[in-house]
C-alpha atoms as a PDB file:
ATOM      1  CA  MET A   1      85.487  92.121 105.204  1.00  0.00           C
ATOM      2  CA  SER A   2      87.127  90.145 102.437  1.00  0.00           C
ATOM      3  CA  THR A   3      89.603  87.419 103.348  1.00  0.00           C
ATOM      4  CA  ALA A   4      91.169  87.327  99.867  1.00  0.00           C
ATOM      5  CA  ALA A   5      94.906  87.849  99.732  1.00  0.00           C
ATOM      6  CA  ARG A   6      95.906  91.425  99.081  1.00  0.00           C
ATOM      7  CA  THR A   7      98.641  92.466  96.711  1.00  0.00           C
ATOM      8  CA  PRO A   8     101.307  94.568  98.390  1.00  0.00           C
ATOM      9  CA  ARG A   9     101.326  98.278  97.609  1.00  0.00           C
ATOM     10  CA  LEU A  10     105.101  98.445  97.575  1.00  0.00           C
ATOM     11  CA  THR A  11     107.297  95.839  95.995  1.00  0.00           C
ATOM     12  CA  ALA A  12     111.046  95.454  95.922  1.00  0.00           C
ATOM     13  CA  VAL A  13     112.619  95.886  92.525  1.00  0.00           C
ATOM     14  CA  PRO A  14     116.178  94.585  92.084  1.00  0.00           C
ATOM     15  CA  ARG A  15     118.381  97.231  90.492  1.00  0.00           C
ATOM     16  CA  SER A  16     121.663  95.884  89.214  1.00  0.00           C
ATOM     17  CA  GLU A  17     122.868  98.878  87.180  1.00  0.00           C
ATOM     18  CA  GLU A  18     121.876 101.742  89.452  1.00  0.00           C
ATOM     19  CA  ARG A  19     123.737 102.585  92.633  1.00  0.00           C
ATOM     20  CA  VAL A  20     123.205 105.317  95.162  1.00  0.00           C
ATOM     21  CA  THR A  21     126.171 107.568  95.819  1.00  0.00           C
ATOM     22  CA  PRO A  22     127.119 108.750  99.306  1.00  0.00           C
ATOM     23  CA  LEU A  23     126.345 112.327  98.245  1.00  0.00           C
ATOM     24  CA  GLU A  24     122.777 111.351  97.325  1.00  0.00           C
ATOM     25  CA  LEU A  25     122.291 109.693 100.720  1.00  0.00           C
ATOM     26  CA  LEU A  26     123.671 112.725 102.534  1.00  0.00           C
ATOM     27  CA  THR A  27     121.399 115.012 100.501  1.00  0.00           C
ATOM     28  CA  GLN A  28     118.343 112.920 101.333  1.00  0.00           C
ATOM     29  CA  CYS A  29     119.265 112.861 105.021  1.00  0.00           C
ATOM     30  CA  THR A  30     119.715 116.641 105.197  1.00  0.00           C
ATOM     31  CA  ALA A  31     116.409 117.080 103.355  1.00  0.00           C
ATOM     32  CA  LEU A  32     114.808 114.892 106.031  1.00  0.00           C
ATOM     33  CA  MET A  33     116.156 117.202 108.726  1.00  0.00           C
ATOM     34  CA  ALA A  34     115.243 120.412 106.846  1.00  0.00           C
ATOM     35  CA  ALA A  35     111.662 119.354 106.085  1.00  0.00           C
ATOM     36  CA  ASP A  36     110.515 120.206 109.606  1.00  0.00           C
ATOM     37  CA  ALA A  37     113.076 122.152 111.612  1.00  0.00           C
ATOM     38  CA  THR A  38     112.390 120.726 115.065  1.00  0.00           C
ATOM     39  CA  TRP A  39     114.588 118.969 117.590  1.00  0.00           C
ATOM     40  CA  GLY A  40     112.790 115.708 116.880  1.00  0.00           C
ATOM     41  CA  GLU A  41     113.551 115.874 113.157  1.00  0.00           C
ATOM     42  CA  LEU A  42     117.162 116.811 113.911  1.00  0.00           C
ATOM     43  CA  ALA A  43     117.445 113.777 116.199  1.00  0.00           C
ATOM     44  CA  LYS A  44     115.906 111.569 113.498  1.00  0.00           C
ATOM     45  CA  GLY A  45     118.408 112.881 110.930  1.00  0.00           C
ATOM     46  CA  VAL A  46     121.344 112.323 113.271  1.00  0.00           C
ATOM     47  CA  LEU A  47     120.086 108.793 113.905  1.00  0.00           C
ATOM     48  CA  VAL A  48     119.892 108.123 110.158  1.00  0.00           C
ATOM     49  CA  LEU A  49     123.392 109.557 109.647  1.00  0.00           C
ATOM     50  CA  GLY A  50     124.676 107.359 112.474  1.00  0.00           C
ATOM     51  CA  LEU A  51     123.100 104.257 110.949  1.00  0.00           C
ATOM     52  CA  MET A  52     124.573 105.061 107.541  1.00  0.00           C
ATOM     53  CA  TRP A  53     128.014 105.620 109.098  1.00  0.00           C
ATOM     54  CA  TRP A  54     127.761 102.349 111.003  1.00  0.00           C
ATOM     55  CA  SER A  55     126.731 100.390 107.908  1.00  0.00           C
ATOM     56  CA  TRP A  56     129.539 101.879 105.822  1.00  0.00           C
ATOM     57  CA  SER A  57     132.170 101.252 108.485  1.00  0.00           C
ATOM     58  CA  ALA A  58     130.963  97.673 109.006  1.00  0.00           C
ATOM     59  CA  THR A  59     131.151  96.863 105.285  1.00  0.00           C
ATOM     60  CA  PRO A  60     134.527  95.497 104.186  1.00  0.00           C
ATOM     61  CA  GLY A  61     136.098  97.665 101.492  1.00  0.00           C
END
């Protein structure tokens, strides 16, 4: 096995002009829940919605 440093597969790219709208986030979250209609996926979607709500409410306007 090689001990050489690997380059990461995913890298963060700063985006200053582009912003995600709340509607896009809601659409992605509902798509997450609709991809596999099980109770587990519904719970995962509700968790994601709760985290988004918490982060928006904690951010000063």
